[in-house]
């Protein structure tokens, strides 16, 4: 299973910004960013698009379904 929260946190920290800074730069709320990173909720498609555009990466890479080189991380369905 892919840990979406860990992937979201990784990309934010790789950019060197706090949750509050990310919220200000994207128009998302810091509360939602925290909930996503702690896997309390998952971001909807629109919010993923905002984050992917901000980080200049694909949505698949953002949520951990794709590696940096573009190869896929397939979810084990068993």
PDB file of N, CA and C in Angstrom:
ATOM      1  N   UNK A   1       0.847  -1.189   0.000  1.00  0.00           N
ATOM      2  CA  UNK A   1       0.000   0.000   0.000  1.00  0.00           C
ATOM      3  C   UNK A   1       0.887   1.246   0.000  1.00  0.00           C
ATOM      4  N   UNK A   2       0.528   2.212  -0.789  1.00  0.00           N
ATOM      5  CA  UNK A   2       1.270   3.455  -0.901  1.00  0.00           C
ATOM      6  C   UNK A   2       0.887   4.363   0.274  1.00  0.00           C
ATOM      7  N   UNK A   3       1.884   4.965   0.905  1.00  0.00           N
ATOM      8  CA  UNK A   3       1.651   5.916   1.993  1.00  0.00           C
ATOM      9  C   UNK A   3       1.612   7.316   1.378  1.00  0.00           C
ATOM     10  N   UNK A   4       0.411   7.753   1.005  1.00  0.00           N
ATOM     11  CA  UNK A   4       0.257   9.048   0.338  1.00  0.00           C
ATOM     12  C   UNK A   4       0.740  10.176   1.236  1.00  0.00           C
ATOM     13  N   UNK A   5       0.426  10.109   2.511  1.00  0.00           N
ATOM     14  CA  UNK A   5       0.849  11.165   3.437  1.00  0.00           C
ATOM     15  C   UNK A   5       2.349  11.320   3.474  1.00  0.00           C
ATOM     16  N   UNK A   6       3.074  10.207   3.513  1.00  0.00           N
ATOM     17  CA  UNK A   6       4.536  10.264   3.537  1.00  0.00           C
ATOM     18  C   UNK A   6       5.073  10.863   2.242  1.00  0.00           C
ATOM     19  N   UNK A   7       4.438  10.528   1.128  1.00  0.00           N
ATOM     20  CA  UNK A   7       4.872  11.077  -0.147  1.00  0.00           C
ATOM     21  C   UNK A   7       4.631  12.585  -0.192  1.00  0.00           C
ATOM     22  N   UNK A   8       3.475  13.036   0.272  1.00  0.00           N
ATOM     23  CA  UNK A   8       3.185  14.474   0.292  1.00  0.00           C
ATOM     24  C   UNK A   8       4.178  15.220   1.174  1.00  0.00           C
ATOM     25  N   UNK A   9       4.472  14.648   2.331  1.00  0.00           N
ATOM     26  CA  UNK A   9       5.431  15.276   3.242  1.00  0.00           C
ATOM     27  C   UNK A   9       6.825  15.306   2.624  1.00  0.00           C
ATOM     28  N   UNK A  10       7.222  14.229   1.965  1.00  0.00           N
ATOM     29  CA  UNK A  10       8.527  14.170   1.316  1.00  0.00           C
ATOM     30  C   UNK A  10       8.689  15.314   0.319  1.00  0.00           C
ATOM     31  N   UNK A  11       7.695  15.511  -0.532  1.00  0.00           N
ATOM     32  CA  UNK A  11       7.798  16.557  -1.558  1.00  0.00           C
ATOM     33  C   UNK A  11       7.839  17.954  -0.929  1.00  0.00           C
ATOM     34  N   UNK A  12       7.059  18.159   0.124  1.00  0.00           N
ATOM     35  CA  UNK A  12       7.088  19.467   0.800  1.00  0.00           C
ATOM     36  C   UNK A  12       8.447  19.711   1.422  1.00  0.00           C
ATOM     37  N   UNK A  13       8.965  18.717   2.137  1.00  0.00           N
ATOM     38  CA  UNK A  13      10.258  18.880   2.799  1.00  0.00           C
ATOM     39  C   UNK A  13      11.395  18.995   1.782  1.00  0.00           C
ATOM     40  N   UNK A  14      11.271  18.309   0.651  1.00  0.00           N
ATOM     41  CA  UNK A  14      12.284  18.409  -0.397  1.00  0.00           C
ATOM     42  C   UNK A  14      12.355  19.848  -0.919  1.00  0.00           C
ATOM     43  N   UNK A  15      11.219  20.524  -0.918  1.00  0.00           N
ATOM     44  CA  UNK A  15      11.143  21.925  -1.339  1.00  0.00           C
ATOM     45  C   UNK A  15      11.643  22.860  -0.233  1.00  0.00           C
ATOM     46  N   UNK A  16      11.766  22.333   1.000  1.00  0.00           N
ATOM     47  CA  UNK A  16      12.289  23.111   2.119  1.00  0.00           C
ATOM     48  C   UNK A  16      11.312  24.123   2.684  1.00  0.00           C
ATOM     49  N   UNK A  17      10.020  23.766   2.669  1.00  0.00           N
ATOM     50  CA  UNK A  17       9.019  24.697   3.185  1.00  0.00           C
ATOM     51  C   UNK A  17       8.158  24.024   4.248  1.00  0.00           C
ATOM     52  N   UNK A  18       7.578  24.845   5.100  1.00  0.00           N
ATOM     53  CA  UNK A  18       6.688  24.350   6.146  1.00  0.00           C
ATOM     54  C   UNK A  18       5.284  24.172   5.584  1.00  0.00           C
ATOM     55  N   UNK A  19       4.441  23.529   6.373  1.00  0.00           N
ATOM     56  CA  UNK A  19       3.042  23.387   5.975  1.00  0.00           C
ATOM     57  C   UNK A  19       2.395  24.759   5.819  1.00  0.00           C
ATOM     58  N   UNK A  20       2.694  25.668   6.718  1.00  0.00           N
ATOM     59  CA  UNK A  20       2.117  27.018   6.642  1.00  0.00           C
ATOM     60  C   UNK A  20       2.560  27.740   5.379  1.00  0.00           C
ATOM     61  N   UNK A  21       3.834  27.606   5.032  1.00  0.00           N
ATOM     62  CA  UNK A  21       4.332  28.246   3.814  1.00  0.00           C
ATOM     63  C   UNK A  21       3.666  27.645   2.574  1.00  0.00           C
ATOM     64  N   UNK A  22       3.534  26.325   2.564  1.00  0.00           N
ATOM     65  CA  UNK A  22       2.883  25.665   1.438  1.00  0.00           C
ATOM     66  C   UNK A  22       1.443  26.153   1.304  1.00  0.00           C
ATOM     67  N   UNK A  23       0.764  26.286   2.421  1.00  0.00           N
ATOM     68  CA  UNK A  23      -0.619  26.768   2.402  1.00  0.00           C
ATOM     69  C   UNK A  23      -0.696  28.167   1.793  1.00  0.00           C
ATOM     70  N   UNK A  24       0.185  29.048   2.201  1.00  0.00           N
ATOM     71  CA  UNK A  24       0.179  30.420   1.679  1.00  0.00           C
ATOM     72  C   UNK A  24       0.487  30.452   0.187  1.00  0.00           C
ATOM     73  N   UNK A  25       1.401  29.606  -0.255  1.00  0.00           N
ATOM     74  CA  UNK A  25       1.831  29.612  -1.654  1.00  0.00           C
ATOM     75  C   UNK A  25       0.829  28.956  -2.600  1.00  0.00           C
ATOM     76  N   UNK A  26      -0.018  28.073  -2.076  1.00  0.00           N
ATOM     77  CA  UNK A  26      -0.949  27.333  -2.931  1.00  0.00           C
ATOM     78  C   UNK A  26      -2.417  27.707  -2.739  1.00  0.00           C
ATOM     79  N   UNK A  27      -2.738  28.373  -1.645  1.00  0.00           N
ATOM     80  CA  UNK A  27      -4.133  28.677  -1.348  1.00  0.00           C
ATOM     81  C   UNK A  27      -4.860  27.537  -0.651  1.00  0.00           C
ATOM     82  N   UNK A  28      -4.140  26.473  -0.344  1.00  0.00           N
ATOM     83  CA  UNK A  28      -4.712  25.362   0.425  1.00  0.00           C
ATOM     84  C   UNK A  28      -4.628  25.719   1.905  1.00  0.00           C
ATOM     85  N   UNK A  29      -5.318  24.985   2.754  1.00  0.00           N
ATOM     86  CA  UNK A  29      -5.230  25.290   4.177  1.00  0.00           C
ATOM     87  C   UNK A  29      -4.155  24.426   4.845  1.00  0.00           C
ATOM     88  N   UNK A  30      -3.506  25.000   5.837  1.00  0.00           N
ATOM     89  CA  UNK A  30      -2.485  24.265   6.584  1.00  0.00           C
ATOM     90  C   UNK A  30      -3.121  23.081   7.289  1.00  0.00           C
ATOM     91  N   UNK A  31      -4.343  23.236   7.732  1.00  0.00           N
ATOM     92  CA  UNK A  31      -5.051  22.151   8.407  1.00  0.00           C
ATOM     93  C   UNK A  31      -5.242  20.954   7.473  1.00  0.00           C
ATOM     94  N   UNK A  32      -5.633  21.214   6.222  1.00  0.00           N
ATOM     95  CA  UNK A  32      -5.788  20.119   5.270  1.00  0.00           C
ATOM     96  C   UNK A  32      -4.447  19.471   4.951  1.00  0.00           C
ATOM     97  N   UNK A  33      -3.427  20.268   4.769  1.00  0.00           N
ATOM     98  CA  UNK A  33      -2.097  19.727   4.474  1.00  0.00           C
ATOM     99  C   UNK A  33      -1.661  18.794   5.602  1.00  0.00           C
ATOM    100  N   UNK A  34      -1.867  19.208   6.839  1.00  0.00           N
ATOM    101  CA  UNK A  34      -1.519  18.367   7.984  1.00  0.00           C
ATOM    102  C   UNK A  34      -2.329  17.074   7.983  1.00  0.00           C
ATOM    103  N   UNK A  35      -3.616  17.174   7.734  1.00  0.00           N
ATOM    104  CA  UNK A  35      -4.477  15.978   7.699  1.00  0.00           C
ATOM    105  C   UNK A  35      -4.027  14.999   6.622  1.00  0.00           C
ATOM    106  N   UNK A  36      -3.650  15.529   5.458  1.00  0.00           N
ATOM    107  CA  UNK A  36      -3.181  14.668   4.378  1.00  0.00           C
ATOM    108  C   UNK A  36      -1.870  13.987   4.740  1.00  0.00           C
ATOM    109  N   UNK A  37      -0.939  14.755   5.292  1.00  0.00           N
ATOM    110  CA  UNK A  37       0.371  14.197   5.625  1.00  0.00           C
ATOM    111  C   UNK A  37       0.292  13.158   6.734  1.00  0.00           C
ATOM    112  N   UNK A  38      -0.715  13.259   7.589  1.00  0.00           N
ATOM    113  CA  UNK A  38      -0.903  12.291   8.675  1.00  0.00           C
ATOM    114  C   UNK A  38      -1.900  11.193   8.299  1.00  0.00           C
ATOM    115  N   UNK A  39      -2.279  11.154   7.031  1.00  0.00           N
ATOM    116  CA  UNK A  39      -3.212  10.145   6.514  1.00  0.00           C
ATOM    117  C   UNK A  39      -4.558  10.122   7.240  1.00  0.00           C
ATOM    118  N   UNK A  40      -4.981  11.272   7.745  1.00  0.00           N
ATOM    119  CA  UNK A  40      -6.310  11.386   8.349  1.00  0.00           C
ATOM    120  C   UNK A  40      -7.342  11.487   7.223  1.00  0.00           C
ATOM    121  N   UNK A  41      -6.999  12.223   6.185  1.00  0.00           N
ATOM    122  CA  UNK A  41      -7.802  12.362   4.972  1.00  0.00           C
ATOM    123  C   UNK A  41      -6.858  12.271   3.790  1.00  0.00           C
ATOM    124  N   UNK A  42      -7.416  12.068   2.600  1.00  0.00           N
ATOM    125  CA  UNK A  42      -6.595  12.117   1.398  1.00  0.00           C
ATOM    126  C   UNK A  42      -7.060  13.301   0.550  1.00  0.00           C
ATOM    127  N   UNK A  43      -6.137  13.934  -0.153  1.00  0.00           N
ATOM    128  CA  UNK A  43      -6.534  15.093  -0.962  1.00  0.00           C
ATOM    129  C   UNK A  43      -7.375  14.658  -2.158  1.00  0.00           C
ATOM    130  N   UNK A  44      -8.298  15.521  -2.559  1.00  0.00           N
ATOM    131  CA  UNK A  44      -9.096  15.230  -3.746  1.00  0.00           C
ATOM    132  C   UNK A  44      -8.259  15.516  -4.993  1.00  0.00           C
ATOM    133  N   UNK A  45      -8.793  15.173  -6.142  1.00  0.00           N
ATOM    134  CA  UNK A  45      -8.060  15.320  -7.404  1.00  0.00           C
ATOM    135  C   UNK A  45      -7.666  16.772  -7.671  1.00  0.00           C
ATOM    136  N   UNK A  46      -8.543  17.697  -7.376  1.00  0.00           N
ATOM    137  CA  UNK A  46      -8.249  19.117  -7.596  1.00  0.00           C
ATOM    138  C   UNK A  46      -7.066  19.572  -6.746  1.00  0.00           C
ATOM    139  N   UNK A  47      -7.068  19.190  -5.475  1.00  0.00           N
ATOM    140  CA  UNK A  47      -5.969  19.584  -4.591  1.00  0.00           C
ATOM    141  C   UNK A  47      -4.660  18.907  -5.002  1.00  0.00           C
ATOM    142  N   UNK A  48      -4.734  17.659  -5.463  1.00  0.00           N
ATOM    143  CA  UNK A  48      -3.534  16.987  -5.981  1.00  0.00           C
ATOM    144  C   UNK A  48      -2.984  17.738  -7.187  1.00  0.00           C
ATOM    145  N   UNK A  49      -3.871  18.209  -8.048  1.00  0.00           N
ATOM    146  CA  UNK A  49      -3.434  18.962  -9.227  1.00  0.00           C
ATOM    147  C   UNK A  49      -2.734  20.253  -8.813  1.00  0.00           C
ATOM    148  N   UNK A  50      -3.263  20.930  -7.817  1.00  0.00           N
ATOM    149  CA  UNK A  50      -2.632  22.157  -7.314  1.00  0.00           C
ATOM    150  C   UNK A  50      -1.229  21.846  -6.802  1.00  0.00           C
ATOM    151  N   UNK A  51      -1.100  20.800  -5.998  1.00  0.00           N
ATOM    152  CA  UNK A  51       0.208  20.447  -5.435  1.00  0.00           C
ATOM    153  C   UNK A  51       1.180  19.987  -6.512  1.00  0.00           C
ATOM    154  N   UNK A  52       0.714  19.155  -7.432  1.00  0.00           N
ATOM    155  CA  UNK A  52       1.591  18.665  -8.499  1.00  0.00           C
ATOM    156  C   UNK A  52       2.085  19.828  -9.354  1.00  0.00           C
ATOM    157  N   UNK A  53       1.217  20.745  -9.665  1.00  0.00           N
ATOM    158  CA  UNK A  53       1.620  21.913 -10.451  1.00  0.00           C
ATOM    159  C   UNK A  53       2.639  22.740  -9.670  1.00  0.00           C
ATOM    160  N   UNK A  54       2.397  22.938  -8.374  1.00  0.00           N
ATOM    161  CA  UNK A  54       3.320  23.712  -7.545  1.00  0.00           C
ATOM    162  C   UNK A  54       4.704  23.070  -7.519  1.00  0.00           C
ATOM    163  N   UNK A  55       4.752  21.744  -7.360  1.00  0.00           N
ATOM    164  CA  UNK A  55       6.033  21.038  -7.299  1.00  0.00           C
ATOM    165  C   UNK A  55       6.611  20.730  -8.687  1.00  0.00           C
ATOM    166  N   UNK A  56       5.829  20.986  -9.739  1.00  0.00           N
ATOM    167  CA  UNK A  56       6.226  20.702 -11.125  1.00  0.00           C
ATOM    168  C   UNK A  56       6.530  19.220 -11.322  1.00  0.00           C
ATOM    169  N   UNK A  57       5.597  18.387 -10.853  1.00  0.00           N
ATOM    170  CA  UNK A  57       5.703  16.934 -10.981  1.00  0.00           C
ATOM    171  C   UNK A  57       4.344  16.374 -11.383  1.00  0.00           C
ATOM    172  N   UNK A  58       4.318  15.103 -11.755  1.00  0.00           N
ATOM    173  CA  UNK A  58       3.029  14.477 -12.101  1.00  0.00           C
ATOM    174  C   UNK A  58       2.249  14.148 -10.828  1.00  0.00           C
ATOM    175  N   UNK A  59       0.960  14.035 -10.969  1.00  0.00           N
ATOM    176  CA  UNK A  59       0.132  13.631  -9.830  1.00  0.00           C
ATOM    177  C   UNK A  59       0.529  12.235  -9.375  1.00  0.00           C
ATOM    178  N   UNK A  60       0.809  11.330 -10.313  1.00  0.00           N
ATOM    179  CA  UNK A  60       1.231   9.977  -9.938  1.00  0.00           C
ATOM    180  C   UNK A  60       2.486  10.004  -9.080  1.00  0.00           C
ATOM    181  N   UNK A  61       3.452  10.841  -9.431  1.00  0.00           N
ATOM    182  CA  UNK A  61       4.678  10.942  -8.626  1.00  0.00           C
ATOM    183  C   UNK A  61       4.363  11.575  -7.270  1.00  0.00           C
ATOM    184  N   UNK A  62       3.512  12.582  -7.270  1.00  0.00           N
ATOM    185  CA  UNK A  62       3.132  13.261  -6.032  1.00  0.00           C
ATOM    186  C   UNK A  62       2.587  12.295  -4.998  1.00  0.00           C
ATOM    187  N   UNK A  63       1.707  11.373  -5.429  1.00  0.00           N
ATOM    188  CA  UNK A  63       1.056  10.488  -4.460  1.00  0.00           C
ATOM    189  C   UNK A  63       1.743   9.131  -4.335  1.00  0.00           C
ATOM    190  N   UNK A  64       2.896   8.989  -4.978  1.00  0.00           N
ATOM    191  CA  UNK A  64       3.686   7.780  -4.790  1.00  0.00           C
ATOM    192  C   UNK A  64       3.378   6.624  -5.719  1.00  0.00           C
ATOM    193  N   UNK A  65       2.621   6.872  -6.777  1.00  0.00           N
ATOM    194  CA  UNK A  65       2.316   5.811  -7.734  1.00  0.00           C
ATOM    195  C   UNK A  65       3.364   5.700  -8.837  1.00  0.00           C
ATOM    196  N   UNK A  66       4.275   6.653  -8.869  1.00  0.00           N
ATOM    197  CA  UNK A  66       5.293   6.688  -9.905  1.00  0.00           C
ATOM    198  C   UNK A  66       6.625   7.058  -9.265  1.00  0.00           C
ATOM    199  N   UNK A  67       7.704   6.486  -9.764  1.00  0.00           N
ATOM    200  CA  UNK A  67       9.047   6.828  -9.305  1.00  0.00           C
ATOM    201  C   UNK A  67       9.528   8.086 -10.024  1.00  0.00           C
ATOM    202  N   UNK A  68      10.605   8.649  -9.524  1.00  0.00           N
ATOM    203  CA  UNK A  68      11.148   9.867 -10.112  1.00  0.00           C
ATOM    204  C   UNK A  68      11.497   9.672 -11.591  1.00  0.00           C
ATOM    205  N   UNK A  69      11.899   8.464 -11.963  1.00  0.00           N
ATOM    206  CA  UNK A  69      12.268   8.189 -13.356  1.00  0.00           C
ATOM    207  C   UNK A  69      11.058   7.905 -14.246  1.00  0.00           C
ATOM    208  N   UNK A  70       9.862   7.939 -13.680  1.00  0.00           N
ATOM    209  CA  UNK A  70       8.647   7.723 -14.452  1.00  0.00           C
ATOM    210  C   UNK A  70       8.123   6.295 -14.419  1.00  0.00           C
ATOM    211  N   UNK A  71       8.912   5.364 -13.851  1.00  0.00           N
ATOM    212  CA  UNK A  71       8.420   3.985 -13.748  1.00  0.00           C
ATOM    213  C   UNK A  71       7.327   3.919 -12.682  1.00  0.00           C
ATOM    214  N   UNK A  72       6.425   2.975 -12.866  1.00  0.00           N
ATOM    215  CA  UNK A  72       5.242   2.892 -11.993  1.00  0.00           C
ATOM    216  C   UNK A  72       5.506   2.066 -10.737  1.00  0.00           C
ATOM    217  N   UNK A  73       4.927   2.510  -9.625  1.00  0.00           N
ATOM    218  CA  UNK A  73       4.864   1.770  -8.368  1.00  0.00           C
ATOM    219  C   UNK A  73       3.459   1.212  -8.280  1.00  0.00           C
ATOM    220  N   UNK A  74       3.252   0.012  -8.733  1.00  0.00           N
ATOM    221  CA  UNK A  74       1.912  -0.566  -8.738  1.00  0.00           C
ATOM    222  C   UNK A  74       1.515  -0.999  -7.345  1.00  0.00           C
ATOM    223  N   UNK A  75       0.285  -0.737  -7.007  1.00  0.00           N
ATOM    224  CA  UNK A  75      -0.258  -1.129  -5.706  1.00  0.00           C
ATOM    225  C   UNK A  75      -0.560  -2.620  -5.727  1.00  0.00           C
ATOM    226  N   UNK A  76      -0.100  -3.334  -4.709  1.00  0.00           N
ATOM    227  CA  UNK A  76      -0.395  -4.763  -4.582  1.00  0.00           C
ATOM    228  C   UNK A  76      -1.840  -4.897  -4.173  1.00  0.00           C
ATOM    229  N   UNK A  77      -2.632  -5.565  -4.974  1.00  0.00           N
ATOM    230  CA  UNK A  77      -4.069  -5.666  -4.711  1.00  0.00           C
ATOM    231  C   UNK A  77      -4.417  -6.837  -3.788  1.00  0.00           C
ATOM    232  N   UNK A  78      -3.435  -7.614  -3.363  1.00  0.00           N
ATOM    233  CA  UNK A  78      -3.713  -8.776  -2.487  1.00  0.00           C
ATOM    234  C   UNK A  78      -3.686  -8.394  -1.048  1.00  0.00           C
TER     235      UNK A  78
END
